[in-house]
Full PDB file with SEQRES, HELIX, SHEET, SSBOND, CRYST1, ORIGX, SCALE, CONECT and MASTER records, all heavy atoms in Angstrom:
SEQRES   1 A   36  PHE SER ILE GLY VAL MET GLY TRP TYR ARG GLN ALA PRO          
SEQRES   2 A   36  GLY GLN GLN ARG GLU LEU VAL ALA ASN ILE ARG PHE GLY          
SEQRES   3 A   36  GLY SER THR GLU TYR HIS ASP SER VAL LYS                      
HELIX    1 AA1 ASP A   33  VAL A   35  5                                   3    
SHEET    1 AA1 3 MET A   6  ARG A  10  0                                        
SHEET    2 AA1 3 GLU A  18  ILE A  23 -1                                        
SHEET    3 AA1 3 THR A  29  TYR A  31 -1                                        
CRYST1    1.000    1.000    1.000  90.00  90.00  90.00 P 1           1          
ORIGX1      1.000000  0.000000  0.000000        0.00000                         
ORIGX2      0.000000  1.000000  0.000000        0.00000                         
ORIGX3      0.000000  0.000000  1.000000        0.00000                         
SCALE1      1.000000  0.000000  0.000000        0.00000                         
SCALE2      0.000000  1.000000  0.000000        0.00000                         
SCALE3      0.000000  0.000000  1.000000        0.00000                         
ATOM      1  N   PHE A   1      11.395   2.665 -17.590  1.00  0.00           N  
ATOM      2  CA  PHE A   1      10.520   2.814 -18.745  1.00  0.00           C  
ATOM      3  C   PHE A   1       9.111   3.197 -18.314  1.00  0.00           C  
ATOM      4  O   PHE A   1       8.498   4.094 -18.896  1.00  0.00           O  
ATOM      5  CB  PHE A   1      10.489   1.527 -19.572  1.00  0.00           C  
ATOM      6  CG  PHE A   1      11.818   1.118 -20.138  1.00  0.00           C  
ATOM      7  CD1 PHE A   1      12.107  -0.221 -20.363  1.00  0.00           C  
ATOM      8  CD2 PHE A   1      12.778   2.061 -20.461  1.00  0.00           C  
ATOM      9  CE1 PHE A   1      13.324  -0.612 -20.887  1.00  0.00           C  
ATOM     10  CE2 PHE A   1      14.005   1.688 -20.989  1.00  0.00           C  
ATOM     11  CZ  PHE A   1      14.277   0.343 -21.206  1.00  0.00           C  
ATOM     12  N   SER A   2       8.605   2.499 -17.314  1.00  0.00           N  
ATOM     13  CA  SER A   2       7.280   2.781 -16.799  1.00  0.00           C  
ATOM     14  C   SER A   2       7.115   2.106 -15.448  1.00  0.00           C  
ATOM     15  O   SER A   2       7.873   1.215 -15.092  1.00  0.00           O  
ATOM     16  CB  SER A   2       6.185   2.320 -17.765  1.00  0.00           C  
ATOM     17  OG  SER A   2       6.210   0.913 -17.922  1.00  0.00           O  
ATOM     18  N   ILE A   3       6.098   2.542 -14.707  1.00  0.00           N  
ATOM     19  CA  ILE A   3       5.809   1.985 -13.401  1.00  0.00           C  
ATOM     20  C   ILE A   3       4.319   1.687 -13.308  1.00  0.00           C  
ATOM     21  O   ILE A   3       3.495   2.524 -13.669  1.00  0.00           O  
ATOM     22  CB  ILE A   3       6.215   2.940 -12.268  1.00  0.00           C  
ATOM     23  CG1 ILE A   3       7.719   3.221 -12.330  1.00  0.00           C  
ATOM     24  CG2 ILE A   3       5.841   2.359 -10.901  1.00  0.00           C  
ATOM     25  CD1 ILE A   3       8.193   4.215 -11.303  1.00  0.00           C  
ATOM     26  N   GLY A   4       4.016   0.505 -12.832  1.00  0.00           N  
ATOM     27  CA  GLY A   4       2.631   0.134 -12.647  1.00  0.00           C  
ATOM     28  C   GLY A   4       2.144   0.503 -11.262  1.00  0.00           C  
ATOM     29  O   GLY A   4       2.230   1.656 -10.834  1.00  0.00           O  
ATOM     30  N   VAL A   5       1.647  -0.483 -10.541  1.00  0.00           N  
ATOM     31  CA  VAL A   5       1.122  -0.222  -9.209  1.00  0.00           C  
ATOM     32  C   VAL A   5       2.251   0.171  -8.258  1.00  0.00           C  
ATOM     33  O   VAL A   5       3.361  -0.362  -8.335  1.00  0.00           O  
ATOM     34  CB  VAL A   5       0.339  -1.432  -8.666  1.00  0.00           C  
ATOM     35  CG1 VAL A   5       1.262  -2.634  -8.461  1.00  0.00           C  
ATOM     36  CG2 VAL A   5      -0.382  -1.089  -7.375  1.00  0.00           C  
ATOM     37  N   MET A   6       1.968   1.110  -7.367  1.00  0.00           N  
ATOM     38  CA  MET A   6       2.876   1.526  -6.308  1.00  0.00           C  
ATOM     39  C   MET A   6       2.160   1.336  -4.984  1.00  0.00           C  
ATOM     40  O   MET A   6       0.950   1.521  -4.899  1.00  0.00           O  
ATOM     41  CB  MET A   6       3.273   2.988  -6.443  1.00  0.00           C  
ATOM     42  CG  MET A   6       4.089   3.328  -7.673  1.00  0.00           C  
ATOM     43  SD  MET A   6       4.274   5.130  -7.834  1.00  0.00           S  
ATOM     44  CE  MET A   6       5.835   5.249  -8.711  1.00  0.00           C  
ATOM     45  N   GLY A   7       2.919   0.993  -3.956  1.00  0.00           N  
ATOM     46  CA  GLY A   7       2.280   0.788  -2.675  1.00  0.00           C  
ATOM     47  C   GLY A   7       3.205   0.997  -1.505  1.00  0.00           C  
ATOM     48  O   GLY A   7       4.427   1.067  -1.647  1.00  0.00           O  
ATOM     49  N   TRP A   8       2.582   1.111  -0.338  1.00  0.00           N  
ATOM     50  CA  TRP A   8       3.295   1.198   0.923  1.00  0.00           C  
ATOM     51  C   TRP A   8       2.830   0.076   1.840  1.00  0.00           C  
ATOM     52  O   TRP A   8       1.620  -0.153   1.982  1.00  0.00           O  
ATOM     53  CB  TRP A   8       3.064   2.540   1.617  1.00  0.00           C  
ATOM     54  CG  TRP A   8       3.715   3.697   0.938  1.00  0.00           C  
ATOM     55  CD1 TRP A   8       3.162   4.553   0.038  1.00  0.00           C  
ATOM     56  CD2 TRP A   8       5.072   4.123   1.114  1.00  0.00           C  
ATOM     57  NE1 TRP A   8       4.083   5.492  -0.364  1.00  0.00           N  
ATOM     58  CE2 TRP A   8       5.267   5.243   0.284  1.00  0.00           C  
ATOM     59  CE3 TRP A   8       6.138   3.668   1.887  1.00  0.00           C  
ATOM     60  CZ2 TRP A   8       6.485   5.920   0.206  1.00  0.00           C  
ATOM     61  CZ3 TRP A   8       7.346   4.335   1.809  1.00  0.00           C  
ATOM     62  CH2 TRP A   8       7.507   5.449   0.974  1.00  0.00           C  
ATOM     63  N   TYR A   9       3.785  -0.596   2.431  1.00  0.00           N  
ATOM     64  CA  TYR A   9       3.540  -1.635   3.405  1.00  0.00           C  
ATOM     65  C   TYR A   9       4.235  -1.248   4.703  1.00  0.00           C  
ATOM     66  O   TYR A   9       5.133  -0.408   4.711  1.00  0.00           O  
ATOM     67  CB  TYR A   9       4.074  -2.986   2.921  1.00  0.00           C  
ATOM     68  CG  TYR A   9       3.359  -3.544   1.711  1.00  0.00           C  
ATOM     69  CD1 TYR A   9       3.534  -2.988   0.453  1.00  0.00           C  
ATOM     70  CD2 TYR A   9       2.517  -4.648   1.843  1.00  0.00           C  
ATOM     71  CE1 TYR A   9       2.879  -3.506  -0.656  1.00  0.00           C  
ATOM     72  CE2 TYR A   9       1.865  -5.175   0.738  1.00  0.00           C  
ATOM     73  CZ  TYR A   9       2.056  -4.597  -0.503  1.00  0.00           C  
ATOM     74  OH  TYR A   9       1.409  -5.124  -1.597  1.00  0.00           O  
ATOM     75  N   ARG A  10       3.828  -1.867   5.795  1.00  0.00           N  
ATOM     76  CA  ARG A  10       4.509  -1.612   7.050  1.00  0.00           C  
ATOM     77  C   ARG A  10       4.611  -2.890   7.862  1.00  0.00           C  
ATOM     78  O   ARG A  10       3.808  -3.803   7.715  1.00  0.00           O  
ATOM     79  CB  ARG A  10       3.800  -0.524   7.865  1.00  0.00           C  
ATOM     80  CG  ARG A  10       2.421  -0.899   8.382  1.00  0.00           C  
ATOM     81  CD  ARG A  10       1.768   0.301   9.046  1.00  0.00           C  
ATOM     82  NE  ARG A  10       0.452  -0.017   9.584  1.00  0.00           N  
ATOM     83  CZ  ARG A  10      -0.380   0.872  10.100  1.00  0.00           C  
ATOM     84  NH1 ARG A  10      -0.035   2.157  10.152  1.00  0.00           N  
ATOM     85  NH2 ARG A  10      -1.563   0.488  10.574  1.00  0.00           N  
ATOM     86  N   GLN A  11       5.612  -2.919   8.713  1.00  0.00           N  
ATOM     87  CA  GLN A  11       5.840  -4.069   9.564  1.00  0.00           C  
ATOM     88  C   GLN A  11       6.304  -3.593  10.929  1.00  0.00           C  
ATOM     89  O   GLN A  11       7.345  -2.951  11.051  1.00  0.00           O  
ATOM     90  CB  GLN A  11       6.876  -5.008   8.949  1.00  0.00           C  
ATOM     91  CG  GLN A  11       7.047  -6.308   9.703  1.00  0.00           C  
ATOM     92  CD  GLN A  11       7.849  -7.331   8.918  1.00  0.00           C  
ATOM     93  OE1 GLN A  11       8.594  -6.979   8.003  1.00  0.00           O  
ATOM     94  NE2 GLN A  11       7.692  -8.591   9.261  1.00  0.00           N  
ATOM     95  N   ALA A  12       5.518  -3.901  11.932  1.00  0.00           N  
ATOM     96  CA  ALA A  12       5.860  -3.588  13.307  1.00  0.00           C  
ATOM     97  C   ALA A  12       6.591  -4.772  13.928  1.00  0.00           C  
ATOM     98  O   ALA A  12       6.455  -5.908  13.463  1.00  0.00           O  
ATOM     99  CB  ALA A  12       4.605  -3.260  14.109  1.00  0.00           C  
ATOM    100  N   PRO A  13       7.366  -4.537  14.984  1.00  0.00           N  
ATOM    101  CA  PRO A  13       8.082  -5.639  15.631  1.00  0.00           C  
ATOM    102  C   PRO A  13       7.138  -6.765  16.031  1.00  0.00           C  
ATOM    103  O   PRO A  13       6.100  -6.529  16.648  1.00  0.00           O  
ATOM    104  CB  PRO A  13       8.709  -4.979  16.851  1.00  0.00           C  
ATOM    105  CG  PRO A  13       8.875  -3.551  16.460  1.00  0.00           C  
ATOM    106  CD  PRO A  13       7.670  -3.240  15.613  1.00  0.00           C  
ATOM    107  N   GLY A  14       7.501  -7.977  15.665  1.00  0.00           N  
ATOM    108  CA  GLY A  14       6.695  -9.130  15.996  1.00  0.00           C  
ATOM    109  C   GLY A  14       5.429  -9.281  15.185  1.00  0.00           C  
ATOM    110  O   GLY A  14       4.624 -10.180  15.464  1.00  0.00           O  
ATOM    111  N   GLN A  15       5.241  -8.424  14.197  1.00  0.00           N  
ATOM    112  CA  GLN A  15       4.035  -8.445  13.382  1.00  0.00           C  
ATOM    113  C   GLN A  15       4.351  -8.819  11.943  1.00  0.00           C  
ATOM    114  O   GLN A  15       5.490  -8.728  11.492  1.00  0.00           O  
ATOM    115  CB  GLN A  15       3.342  -7.085  13.413  1.00  0.00           C  
ATOM    116  CG  GLN A  15       2.970  -6.591  14.797  1.00  0.00           C  
ATOM    117  CD  GLN A  15       1.878  -7.420  15.424  1.00  0.00           C  
ATOM    118  OE1 GLN A  15       0.920  -7.810  14.764  1.00  0.00           O  
ATOM    119  NE2 GLN A  15       2.016  -7.688  16.720  1.00  0.00           N  
ATOM    120  N   GLN A  16       3.332  -9.248  11.235  1.00  0.00           N  
ATOM    121  CA  GLN A  16       3.478  -9.529   9.816  1.00  0.00           C  
ATOM    122  C   GLN A  16       3.423  -8.229   9.022  1.00  0.00           C  
ATOM    123  O   GLN A  16       2.802  -7.254   9.438  1.00  0.00           O  
ATOM    124  CB  GLN A  16       2.377 -10.478   9.342  1.00  0.00           C  
ATOM    125  CG  GLN A  16       2.423 -11.860   9.971  1.00  0.00           C  
ATOM    126  CD  GLN A  16       1.349 -12.778   9.416  1.00  0.00           C  
ATOM    127  OE1 GLN A  16       0.559 -12.394   8.557  1.00  0.00           O  
ATOM    128  NE2 GLN A  16       1.318 -13.997   9.913  1.00  0.00           N  
ATOM    129  N   ARG A  17       4.077  -8.241   7.889  1.00  0.00           N  
ATOM    130  CA  ARG A  17       4.007  -7.083   7.014  1.00  0.00           C  
ATOM    131  C   ARG A  17       2.593  -6.957   6.451  1.00  0.00           C  
ATOM    132  O   ARG A  17       1.982  -7.948   6.050  1.00  0.00           O  
ATOM    133  CB  ARG A  17       5.021  -7.212   5.886  1.00  0.00           C  
ATOM    134  CG  ARG A  17       5.152  -5.969   5.028  1.00  0.00           C  
ATOM    135  CD  ARG A  17       6.311  -6.082   4.042  1.00  0.00           C  
ATOM    136  NE  ARG A  17       7.582  -6.257   4.731  1.00  0.00           N  
ATOM    137  CZ  ARG A  17       8.762  -6.265   4.124  1.00  0.00           C  
ATOM    138  NH1 ARG A  17       8.826  -6.088   2.805  1.00  0.00           N  
ATOM    139  NH2 ARG A  17       9.862  -6.445   4.824  1.00  0.00           N  
ATOM    140  N   GLU A  18       2.080  -5.741   6.424  1.00  0.00           N  
ATOM    141  CA  GLU A  18       0.726  -5.515   5.951  1.00  0.00           C  
ATOM    142  C   GLU A  18       0.683  -4.363   4.959  1.00  0.00           C  
ATOM    143  O   GLU A  18       1.482  -3.433   5.017  1.00  0.00           O  
ATOM    144  CB  GLU A  18      -0.223  -5.220   7.122  1.00  0.00           C  
ATOM    145  CG  GLU A  18       0.086  -3.929   7.865  1.00  0.00           C  
ATOM    146  CD  GLU A  18      -0.862  -3.677   9.020  1.00  0.00           C  
ATOM    147  OE1 GLU A  18      -1.641  -4.586   9.372  1.00  0.00           O  
ATOM    148  OE2 GLU A  18      -0.827  -2.567   9.589  1.00  0.00           O  
ATOM    149  N   LEU A  19      -0.275  -4.440   4.067  1.00  0.00           N  
ATOM    150  CA  LEU A  19      -0.488  -3.372   3.108  1.00  0.00           C  
ATOM    151  C   LEU A  19      -1.091  -2.168   3.808  1.00  0.00           C  
ATOM    152  O   LEU A  19      -2.084  -2.288   4.520  1.00  0.00           O  
ATOM    153  CB  LEU A  19      -1.418  -3.838   1.987  1.00  0.00           C  
ATOM    154  CG  LEU A  19      -1.845  -2.767   0.977  1.00  0.00           C  
ATOM    155  CD1 LEU A  19      -0.662  -2.327   0.124  1.00  0.00           C  
ATOM    156  CD2 LEU A  19      -2.981  -3.272   0.097  1.00  0.00           C  
ATOM    157  N   VAL A  20      -0.499  -1.011   3.578  1.00  0.00           N  
ATOM    158  CA  VAL A  20      -1.033   0.244   4.086  1.00  0.00           C  
ATOM    159  C   VAL A  20      -1.907   0.900   3.021  1.00  0.00           C  
ATOM    160  O   VAL A  20      -3.048   1.291   3.288  1.00  0.00           O  
ATOM    161  CB  VAL A  20       0.086   1.200   4.511  1.00  0.00           C  
ATOM    162  CG1 VAL A  20      -0.487   2.537   4.976  1.00  0.00           C  
ATOM    163  CG2 VAL A  20       0.929   0.567   5.614  1.00  0.00           C  
ATOM    164  N   ALA A  21      -1.365   1.035   1.830  1.00  0.00           N  
ATOM    165  CA  ALA A  21      -2.086   1.664   0.733  1.00  0.00           C  
ATOM    166  C   ALA A  21      -1.393   1.342  -0.574  1.00  0.00           C  
ATOM    167  O   ALA A  21      -0.190   1.082  -0.602  1.00  0.00           O  
ATOM    168  CB  ALA A  21      -2.152   3.181   0.921  1.00  0.00           C  
ATOM    169  N   ASN A  22      -2.147   1.352  -1.648  1.00  0.00           N  
ATOM    170  CA  ASN A  22      -1.536   1.271  -2.956  1.00  0.00           C  
ATOM    171  C   ASN A  22      -2.275   2.174  -3.929  1.00  0.00           C  
ATOM    172  O   ASN A  22      -3.405   2.603  -3.675  1.00  0.00           O  
ATOM    173  CB  ASN A  22      -1.409  -0.170  -3.477  1.00  0.00           C  
ATOM    174  CG  ASN A  22      -2.731  -0.878  -3.681  1.00  0.00           C  
ATOM    175  OD1 ASN A  22      -3.741  -0.264  -4.043  1.00  0.00           O  
ATOM    176  ND2 ASN A  22      -2.728  -2.195  -3.469  1.00  0.00           N  
ATOM    177  N   ILE A  23      -1.601   2.442  -5.031  1.00  0.00           N  
ATOM    178  CA  ILE A  23      -2.150   3.336  -6.044  1.00  0.00           C  
ATOM    179  C   ILE A  23      -1.721   2.841  -7.412  1.00  0.00           C  
ATOM    180  O   ILE A  23      -0.559   2.503  -7.633  1.00  0.00           O  
ATOM    181  CB  ILE A  23      -1.694   4.788  -5.798  1.00  0.00           C  
ATOM    182  CG1 ILE A  23      -2.305   5.731  -6.834  1.00  0.00           C  
ATOM    183  CG2 ILE A  23      -0.169   4.901  -5.783  1.00  0.00           C  
ATOM    184  CD1 ILE A  23      -2.141   7.199  -6.473  1.00  0.00           C  
ATOM    185  N   ARG A  24      -2.665   2.790  -8.334  1.00  0.00           N  
ATOM    186  CA  ARG A  24      -2.367   2.351  -9.677  1.00  0.00           C  
ATOM    187  C   ARG A  24      -2.024   3.532 -10.567  1.00  0.00           C  
ATOM    188  O   ARG A  24      -2.157   4.694 -10.167  1.00  0.00           O  
ATOM    189  CB  ARG A  24      -3.537   1.535 -10.235  1.00  0.00           C  
ATOM    190  CG  ARG A  24      -3.895   0.335  -9.348  1.00  0.00           C  
ATOM    191  CD  ARG A  24      -4.763  -0.673 -10.062  1.00  0.00           C  
ATOM    192  NE  ARG A  24      -4.028  -1.394 -11.102  1.00  0.00           N  
ATOM    193  CZ  ARG A  24      -3.272  -2.466 -10.889  1.00  0.00           C  
ATOM    194  NH1 ARG A  24      -3.145  -2.962  -9.674  1.00  0.00           N  
ATOM    195  NH2 ARG A  24      -2.646  -3.041 -11.902  1.00  0.00           N  
ATOM    196  N   PHE A  25      -1.584   3.234 -11.772  1.00  0.00           N  
ATOM    197  CA  PHE A  25      -1.094   4.272 -12.666  1.00  0.00           C  
ATOM    198  C   PHE A  25      -2.125   5.378 -12.878  1.00  0.00           C  
ATOM    199  O   PHE A  25      -1.786   6.563 -12.896  1.00  0.00           O  
ATOM    200  CB  PHE A  25      -0.695   3.669 -14.016  1.00  0.00           C  
ATOM    201  CG  PHE A  25      -0.097   4.670 -14.969  1.00  0.00           C  
ATOM    202  CD1 PHE A  25       1.252   4.966 -14.923  1.00  0.00           C  
ATOM    203  CD2 PHE A  25      -0.889   5.309 -15.914  1.00  0.00           C  
ATOM    204  CE1 PHE A  25       1.811   5.881 -15.799  1.00  0.00           C  
ATOM    205  CE2 PHE A  25      -0.340   6.227 -16.793  1.00  0.00           C  
ATOM    206  CZ  PHE A  25       1.018   6.514 -16.737  1.00  0.00           C  
ATOM    207  N   GLY A  26      -3.376   4.989 -13.028  1.00  0.00           N  
ATOM    208  CA  GLY A  26      -4.428   5.956 -13.280  1.00  0.00           C  
ATOM    209  C   GLY A  26      -4.902   6.710 -12.057  1.00  0.00           C  
ATOM    210  O   GLY A  26      -5.714   7.631 -12.183  1.00  0.00           O  
ATOM    211  N   GLY A  27      -4.417   6.320 -10.872  1.00  0.00           N  
ATOM    212  CA  GLY A  27      -4.743   7.045  -9.666  1.00  0.00           C  
ATOM    213  C   GLY A  27      -5.711   6.377  -8.711  1.00  0.00           C  
ATOM    214  O   GLY A  27      -5.980   6.925  -7.639  1.00  0.00           O  
ATOM    215  N   SER A  28      -6.246   5.231  -9.070  1.00  0.00           N  
ATOM    216  CA  SER A  28      -7.138   4.544  -8.150  1.00  0.00           C  
ATOM    217  C   SER A  28      -6.353   4.047  -6.946  1.00  0.00           C  
ATOM    218  O   SER A  28      -5.198   3.634  -7.067  1.00  0.00           O  
ATOM    219  CB  SER A  28      -7.854   3.389  -8.843  1.00  0.00           C  
ATOM    220  OG  SER A  28      -6.927   2.425  -9.307  1.00  0.00           O  
ATOM    221  N   THR A  29      -6.972   4.085  -5.780  1.00  0.00           N  
ATOM    222  CA  THR A  29      -6.276   3.779  -4.535  1.00  0.00           C  
ATOM    223  C   THR A  29      -7.058   2.800  -3.683  1.00  0.00           C  
ATOM    224  O   THR A  29      -8.267   2.619  -3.848  1.00  0.00           O  
ATOM    225  CB  THR A  29      -6.043   5.051  -3.704  1.00  0.00           C  
ATOM    226  OG1 THR A  29      -7.307   5.651  -3.394  1.00  0.00           O  
ATOM    227  CG2 THR A  29      -5.194   6.052  -4.472  1.00  0.00           C  
ATOM    228  N   GLU A  30      -6.354   2.188  -2.753  1.00  0.00           N  
ATOM    229  CA  GLU A  30      -6.980   1.403  -1.710  1.00  0.00           C  
ATOM    230  C   GLU A  30      -6.167   1.560  -0.437  1.00  0.00           C  
ATOM    231  O   GLU A  30      -4.956   1.761  -0.486  1.00  0.00           O  
ATOM    232  CB  GLU A  30      -7.124  -0.068  -2.103  1.00  0.00           C  
ATOM    233  CG  GLU A  30      -5.831  -0.804  -2.345  1.00  0.00           C  
ATOM    234  CD  GLU A  30      -6.067  -2.274  -2.661  1.00  0.00           C  
ATOM    235  OE1 GLU A  30      -6.853  -2.922  -1.936  1.00  0.00           O  
ATOM    236  OE2 GLU A  30      -5.471  -2.775  -3.633  1.00  0.00           O  
ATOM    237  N   TYR A  31      -6.847   1.461   0.707  1.00  0.00           N  
ATOM    238  CA  TYR A  31      -6.227   1.692   1.993  1.00  0.00           C  
ATOM    239  C   TYR A  31      -6.626   0.621   2.988  1.00  0.00           C  
ATOM    240  O   TYR A  31      -7.740   0.081   2.945  1.00  0.00           O  
ATOM    241  CB  TYR A  31      -6.654   3.043   2.576  1.00  0.00           C  
ATOM    242  CG  TYR A  31      -6.217   4.241   1.788  1.00  0.00           C  
ATOM    243  CD1 TYR A  31      -7.021   4.768   0.783  1.00  0.00           C  
ATOM    244  CD2 TYR A  31      -5.001   4.859   2.060  1.00  0.00           C  
ATOM    245  CE1 TYR A  31      -6.624   5.877   0.065  1.00  0.00           C  
ATOM    246  CE2 TYR A  31      -4.596   5.971   1.344  1.00  0.00           C  
ATOM    247  CZ  TYR A  31      -5.412   6.476   0.350  1.00  0.00           C  
ATOM    248  OH  TYR A  31      -5.013   7.589  -0.364  1.00  0.00           O  
ATOM    249  N   HIS A  32      -5.728   0.342   3.901  1.00  0.00           N  
ATOM    250  CA  HIS A  32      -6.074  -0.471   5.043  1.00  0.00           C  
ATOM    251  C   HIS A  32      -7.078   0.301   5.893  1.00  0.00           C  
ATOM    252  O   HIS A  32      -6.982   1.526   6.021  1.00  0.00           O  
ATOM    253  CB  HIS A  32      -4.816  -0.778   5.861  1.00  0.00           C  
ATOM    254  CG  HIS A  32      -5.002  -1.832   6.898  1.00  0.00           C  
ATOM    255  ND1 HIS A  32      -5.577  -1.561   8.132  1.00  0.00           N  
ATOM    256  CD2 HIS A  32      -4.696  -3.147   6.892  1.00  0.00           C  
ATOM    257  CE1 HIS A  32      -5.606  -2.671   8.839  1.00  0.00           C  
ATOM    258  NE2 HIS A  32      -5.085  -3.646   8.115  1.00  0.00           N  
ATOM    259  N   ASP A  33      -8.033  -0.399   6.450  1.00  0.00           N  
ATOM    260  CA  ASP A  33      -9.080   0.258   7.218  1.00  0.00           C  
ATOM    261  C   ASP A  33      -8.529   1.128   8.346  1.00  0.00           C  
ATOM    262  O   ASP A  33      -9.107   2.168   8.669  1.00  0.00           O  
ATOM    263  CB  ASP A  33     -10.046  -0.772   7.803  1.00  0.00           C  
ATOM    264  CG  ASP A  33     -10.986  -1.348   6.775  1.00  0.00           C  
ATOM    265  OD1 ASP A  33     -11.126  -0.748   5.686  1.00  0.00           O  
ATOM    266  OD2 ASP A  33     -11.597  -2.389   7.061  1.00  0.00           O  
ATOM    267  N   SER A  34      -7.429   0.727   8.929  1.00  0.00           N  
ATOM    268  CA  SER A  34      -6.892   1.432  10.077  1.00  0.00           C  
ATOM    269  C   SER A  34      -6.329   2.807   9.736  1.00  0.00           C  
ATOM    270  O   SER A  34      -6.122   3.625  10.637  1.00  0.00           O  
ATOM    271  CB  SER A  34      -5.806   0.598  10.761  1.00  0.00           C  
ATOM    272  OG  SER A  34      -4.674   0.441   9.927  1.00  0.00           O  
ATOM    273  N   VAL A  35      -6.083   3.073   8.464  1.00  0.00           N  
ATOM    274  CA  VAL A  35      -5.485   4.352   8.074  1.00  0.00           C  
ATOM    275  C   VAL A  35      -6.408   5.209   7.231  1.00  0.00           C  
ATOM    276  O   VAL A  35      -6.051   6.347   6.897  1.00  0.00           O  
ATOM    277  CB  VAL A  35      -4.149   4.153   7.330  1.00  0.00           C  
ATOM    278  CG1 VAL A  35      -3.209   3.277   8.143  1.00  0.00           C  
ATOM    279  CG2 VAL A  35      -4.377   3.564   5.941  1.00  0.00           C  
ATOM    280  N   LYS A  36      -7.576   4.712   6.905  1.00  0.00           N  
ATOM    281  CA  LYS A  36      -8.508   5.486   6.094  1.00  0.00           C  
ATOM    282  C   LYS A  36      -8.869   6.794   6.794  1.00  0.00           C  
ATOM    283  O   LYS A  36      -9.165   6.816   7.982  1.00  0.00           O  
ATOM    284  CB  LYS A  36      -9.776   4.677   5.818  1.00  0.00           C  
ATOM    285  CG  LYS A  36      -9.578   3.547   4.833  1.00  0.00           C  
ATOM    286  CD  LYS A  36     -10.885   2.797   4.581  1.00  0.00           C  
ATOM    287  CE  LYS A  36     -10.693   1.691   3.564  1.00  0.00           C  
ATOM    288  NZ  LYS A  36     -11.940   0.911   3.356  1.00  0.00           N  
TER     289      LYS A  36                                                      
MASTER        0    0    0    1    3    0    0    6  288    1    0    3          
END                                                                             
């Protein structure tokens, strides 16, 4: 029907899962500092 926020996370071996980036319906985004 519809989709709200979308995002990408990543997890390296032995590491915790972390947010890479997300984007809201209207297009606003946020990024992890390491990938900006």
